[in-house]
Amino acid sequence: MKILAIHAHPDDVEFLCSGALALLKNQGHDIAIATVSNGDKGSLETSNEETARIRKIEAKNAADVIGASYGCVDFNDYEIFDDDASRRRVTEFIRAVNPDVIITAPPQDYHADHEACSHLVRHAAFIVGAPNYKTGDAPVMKAVPTLYYTDPSEGKDIFGSSIRPDFCVDVSSVIETKKTMLERHASQREWLRAYHGMDHYVHSMLEWNQKRGLDFGYEYGEGFRMHKGHGYPQAPVLEDALSDYVKR
């Protein structure tokens, strides 16, 4: 099975779903990690171009930890919008990867880029099989991929209300792998420390995964929801693939 985990920025996938990806990779599934943005505004010291270059290298290094591929749609930070041109770019990217399953950002989250990424990926996934929706050289896909969402940041909607996932994946056995992947994003740690006053980047991930895991009786957990709208596949392929690690 080919799984594409595509979120907004370099490090979002690592923070929110890389444990499940590590488990899936251990089972022999083909894993692709992608970001819609190149992370170009995440620095107080380097230029947009240099910051983007660094962040994409870090993202590839993180993907390498589990033997996943990495790709970037190459929008700039805070310049992601769900318009026709952007939708075609994301559709072309998905067609080139040709996944059976997509994991992406939740529809509602604290960051505009997260929400725009979610909407773009959802709409793109729906149209990947339509040959008259022209995007580029990538072949048209045969079917709509199964679509899942990660937890929102801190598991909350924009009003601070808790969002319960459809299911939780026990990532306790791969938490050190997840930690290593996140640590590959060294420049993001420096950015958060300088701009947001946060110097507990990895610790925050561990705290959140402990909290989500506790809800389901795990030491560390990652939450997911399936997109169940009309026209999207409904078979629980991700839950089935990770059945030894899943509670609903």
Protein backbone atom coordinates (compact mmCIF):
# COMPACT_ATOMS: atom_id res chain seq x y z
CA MET A 1 0.00 0.00 0.00
CA LYS A 2 1.27 3.48 -0.88
CA ILE A 3 0.66 6.09 1.80
CA LEU A 4 1.15 9.83 1.33
CA ALA A 5 1.37 11.96 4.48
CA ILE A 6 1.09 15.57 3.31
CA HIS A 7 0.82 18.47 5.75
CA ALA A 8 1.49 22.18 5.57
CA HIS A 9 5.04 22.74 6.85
CA PRO A 10 8.28 20.82 7.31
CA ASP A 11 7.93 19.13 10.74
CA ASP A 12 4.09 18.92 10.85
CA VAL A 13 4.05 15.30 9.67
CA GLU A 14 6.81 14.40 12.12
CA PHE A 15 4.93 16.01 15.00
CA LEU A 16 1.49 14.58 14.24
CA CYS A 17 1.69 11.22 12.48
CA SER A 18 5.24 9.96 12.00
CA GLY A 19 4.76 7.23 14.60
CA ALA A 20 2.02 5.62 12.54
CA LEU A 21 4.17 6.05 9.44
CA ALA A 22 7.08 4.28 11.13
CA LEU A 23 4.81 1.35 12.06
CA LEU A 24 3.45 1.18 8.52
CA LYS A 25 6.96 1.28 7.05
CA ASN A 26 7.98 -1.56 9.37
CA GLN A 27 5.14 -3.59 7.85
CA GLY A 28 6.50 -3.03 4.35
CA HIS A 29 4.21 -0.25 3.14
CA ASP A 30 5.54 2.46 0.82
CA ILE A 31 5.64 5.81 2.63
CA ALA A 32 5.85 9.27 1.04
CA ILE A 33 6.08 12.41 3.18
CA ALA A 34 5.31 15.80 1.67
CA THR A 35 4.79 19.42 2.62
CA VAL A 36 2.69 21.97 0.79
CA SER A 37 4.91 24.78 2.04
CA ASN A 38 8.69 25.06 1.91
CA GLY A 39 8.87 26.73 5.33
CA ASP A 40 10.48 29.88 3.94
CA LYS A 41 9.34 32.28 6.68
CA GLY A 42 10.49 30.24 9.66
CA SER A 43 13.59 32.25 10.54
CA LEU A 44 14.63 35.59 11.99
CA GLU A 45 18.13 35.32 10.52
CA THR A 46 18.22 33.75 7.05
CA SER A 47 16.53 34.87 3.83
CA ASN A 48 13.35 33.25 2.50
CA GLU A 49 15.34 31.32 -0.09
CA GLU A 50 17.96 30.08 2.36
CA THR A 51 15.38 29.20 5.00
CA ALA A 52 13.37 27.18 2.47
CA ARG A 53 16.52 25.38 1.32
CA ILE A 54 17.44 24.45 4.90
CA ARG A 55 13.94 23.35 5.85
CA LYS A 56 13.56 21.07 2.82
CA ILE A 57 16.92 19.44 3.56
CA GLU A 58 15.83 18.86 7.16
CA ALA A 59 12.52 17.40 5.98
CA LYS A 60 14.32 14.96 3.69
CA ASN A 61 16.69 13.99 6.51
CA ALA A 62 13.68 13.30 8.73
CA ALA A 63 12.00 11.15 6.08
CA ASP A 64 15.26 9.24 5.61
CA VAL A 65 15.04 8.02 9.22
CA ILE A 66 12.27 5.60 8.23
CA GLY A 67 13.23 5.19 4.58
CA ALA A 68 10.39 7.36 3.30
CA SER A 69 10.55 9.69 0.31
CA TYR A 70 10.11 13.45 0.70
CA GLY A 71 8.59 15.98 -1.68
CA CYS A 72 7.50 19.60 -1.50
CA VAL A 73 4.75 21.33 -3.46
CA ASP A 74 6.79 24.50 -2.81
CA PHE A 75 4.28 27.12 -1.78
CA ASN A 76 5.66 29.78 0.54
CA ASP A 77 4.51 30.04 4.14
CA TYR A 78 1.24 31.91 4.63
CA GLU A 79 0.72 32.02 0.86
CA ILE A 80 -1.37 28.86 0.58
CA PHE A 81 -4.92 29.36 -0.68
CA ASP A 82 -7.59 27.05 -2.05
CA ASP A 83 -7.90 28.52 -5.53
CA ASP A 84 -7.90 26.91 -8.97
CA ALA A 85 -4.19 27.26 -9.71
CA SER A 86 -3.22 25.92 -6.28
CA ARG A 87 -5.67 23.05 -6.53
CA ARG A 88 -4.18 21.99 -9.85
CA ARG A 89 -0.65 22.07 -8.38
CA VAL A 90 -1.66 19.85 -5.48
CA THR A 91 -3.63 17.52 -7.76
CA GLU A 92 -0.59 17.12 -10.02
CA PHE A 93 1.58 16.36 -7.00
CA ILE A 94 -0.81 13.70 -5.71
CA ARG A 95 -1.13 12.14 -9.17
CA ALA A 96 2.66 11.88 -9.38
CA VAL A 97 2.83 10.07 -6.02
CA ASN A 98 -0.22 7.90 -6.83
CA PRO A 99 -1.11 6.94 -3.24
CA ASP A 100 -3.75 4.51 -2.03
CA VAL A 101 -4.10 6.46 1.22
CA ILE A 102 -3.58 10.12 2.09
CA ILE A 103 -3.07 11.52 5.57
CA THR A 104 -3.35 15.30 5.79
CA ALA A 105 -4.06 18.25 8.06
CA PRO A 106 -7.46 18.54 9.76
CA PRO A 107 -10.05 20.91 8.27
CA GLN A 108 -9.97 23.14 11.34
CA ASP A 109 -6.74 24.08 13.11
CA TYR A 110 -4.97 27.06 14.61
CA HIS A 111 -2.90 27.92 11.53
CA ALA A 112 -4.20 29.26 8.20
CA ASP A 113 -1.70 27.11 6.28
CA HIS A 114 -2.92 23.96 8.03
CA GLU A 115 -6.53 24.65 7.08
CA ALA A 116 -5.66 25.65 3.51
CA CYS A 117 -3.56 22.50 3.13
CA SER A 118 -6.45 20.37 4.38
CA HIS A 119 -8.93 21.91 1.95
CA LEU A 120 -6.54 21.75 -1.00
CA VAL A 121 -5.64 18.11 -0.41
CA ARG A 122 -9.26 17.08 0.11
CA HIS A 123 -10.45 18.76 -3.07
CA ALA A 124 -7.46 17.54 -5.05
CA ALA A 125 -7.92 13.96 -3.87
CA PHE A 126 -11.49 14.00 -5.15
CA ILE A 127 -10.53 14.99 -8.71
CA VAL A 128 -7.33 12.96 -9.29
CA GLY A 129 -9.19 10.47 -11.49
CA ALA A 130 -10.85 12.97 -13.82
CA PRO A 131 -8.89 13.09 -17.11
CA ASN A 132 -10.45 16.38 -18.18
CA TYR A 133 -9.01 18.12 -15.10
CA LYS A 134 -5.67 18.94 -16.67
CA THR A 135 -2.70 19.46 -14.39
CA GLY A 136 0.57 18.36 -16.00
CA ASP A 137 2.46 15.24 -17.00
CA ALA A 138 1.48 12.96 -14.11
CA PRO A 139 -0.95 10.21 -15.16
CA VAL A 140 -4.54 10.38 -14.02
CA MET A 141 -5.21 8.12 -11.04
CA LYS A 142 -7.65 5.22 -11.21
CA ALA A 143 -9.54 6.02 -8.01
CA VAL A 144 -10.00 8.51 -5.22
CA PRO A 145 -7.56 7.62 -2.42
CA THR A 146 -8.78 6.99 1.11
CA LEU A 147 -8.43 10.20 3.09
CA TYR A 148 -7.52 10.64 6.75
CA TYR A 149 -6.86 13.67 8.95
CA THR A 150 -4.35 14.00 11.75
CA ASP A 151 -5.29 15.48 15.08
CA PRO A 152 -5.41 19.28 15.14
CA SER A 153 -2.74 20.95 17.25
CA GLU A 154 -3.37 20.11 20.92
CA GLY A 155 -6.45 18.17 19.78
CA LYS A 156 -8.59 21.32 19.77
CA ASP A 157 -10.70 23.23 17.28
CA ILE A 158 -10.37 27.00 16.88
CA PHE A 159 -12.70 27.59 19.84
CA GLY A 160 -10.61 25.42 22.14
CA SER A 161 -13.06 22.52 22.17
CA SER A 162 -11.56 19.04 22.20
CA ILE A 163 -11.74 16.97 19.02
CA ARG A 164 -11.93 13.23 19.63
CA PRO A 165 -10.37 11.12 16.89
CA ASP A 166 -12.09 8.17 15.25
CA PHE A 167 -9.22 5.99 16.42
CA CYS A 168 -5.85 6.17 18.12
CA VAL A 169 -2.64 4.44 17.07
CA ASP A 170 -0.33 3.15 19.80
CA VAL A 171 3.06 4.61 18.84
CA SER A 172 4.83 3.73 22.11
CA SER A 173 7.13 1.22 20.42
CA VAL A 174 8.35 3.77 17.86
CA ILE A 175 8.40 6.93 19.97
CA GLU A 176 12.20 7.13 19.85
CA THR A 177 12.04 6.94 16.04
CA LYS A 178 9.46 9.73 16.03
CA LYS A 179 11.64 11.79 18.36
CA THR A 180 14.65 11.30 16.07
CA MET A 181 12.63 12.40 13.04
CA LEU A 182 11.46 15.57 14.76
CA GLU A 183 14.98 16.36 15.94
CA ARG A 184 16.10 16.50 12.31
CA HIS A 185 14.22 19.82 12.08
CA ALA A 186 16.88 21.75 14.01
CA SER A 187 16.14 25.12 12.42
CA GLN A 188 12.48 24.93 13.44
CA ARG A 189 13.50 24.51 17.06
CA GLU A 190 15.60 27.67 16.81
CA TRP A 191 12.74 29.55 15.14
CA LEU A 192 10.23 28.58 17.82
CA ARG A 193 12.67 29.51 20.55
CA ALA A 194 13.38 32.93 19.01
CA TYR A 195 9.88 33.88 17.85
CA HIS A 196 7.50 32.07 20.21
CA GLY A 197 9.70 31.66 23.28
CA MET A 198 9.41 27.86 23.08
CA ASP A 199 12.44 25.75 23.87
CA HIS A 200 10.69 22.45 24.46
CA TYR A 201 9.97 21.48 20.85
CA VAL A 202 10.46 17.72 21.16
CA HIS A 203 9.15 17.70 24.72
CA SER A 204 5.89 19.28 23.50
CA MET A 205 5.43 16.45 21.01
CA LEU A 206 6.04 13.85 23.70
CA GLU A 207 3.62 15.58 26.07
CA TRP A 208 0.90 15.71 23.44
CA ASN A 209 1.35 12.08 22.39
CA GLN A 210 1.21 11.05 26.05
CA LYS A 211 -2.02 12.97 26.50
CA ARG A 212 -3.63 11.49 23.39
CA GLY A 213 -2.39 8.02 24.29
CA LEU A 214 -3.78 8.28 27.81
CA ASP A 215 -7.28 8.79 26.35
CA PHE A 216 -7.04 5.28 24.86
CA GLY A 217 -4.88 3.46 27.40
CA TYR A 218 -1.57 3.85 25.57
CA GLU A 219 1.68 5.38 26.76
CA TYR A 220 1.95 7.37 23.51
CA GLY A 221 -0.73 7.74 20.86
CA GLU A 222 -1.61 9.52 17.61
CA GLY A 223 -5.20 10.31 16.69
CA PHE A 224 -6.80 10.14 13.25
CA ARG A 225 -10.17 10.77 11.62
CA MET A 226 -11.36 9.43 8.28
CA HIS A 227 -13.01 11.72 5.73
CA LYS A 228 -16.45 10.17 5.30
CA GLY A 229 -18.01 12.51 2.79
CA HIS A 230 -19.79 11.36 -0.35
CA GLY A 231 -17.49 10.06 -3.07
CA TYR A 232 -14.56 9.13 -0.82
CA PRO A 233 -13.66 5.51 0.05
CA GLN A 234 -15.01 4.31 3.39
CA ALA A 235 -13.14 1.04 3.94
CA PRO A 236 -10.98 1.38 7.10
CA VAL A 237 -7.73 0.48 5.37
CA LEU A 238 -5.45 2.36 7.78
CA GLU A 239 -7.16 0.93 10.85
CA ASP A 240 -6.96 -2.55 9.36
CA ALA A 241 -3.28 -2.19 8.44
CA LEU A 242 -2.48 -1.11 12.00
CA SER A 243 -5.04 -3.34 13.72
CA ASP A 244 -2.54 -4.53 16.37
CA TYR A 245 -1.97 -0.90 17.41
CA VAL A 246 -5.44 0.65 17.11
CA LYS A 247 -8.25 1.46 19.50
CA ARG A 248 -11.48 3.21 18.44
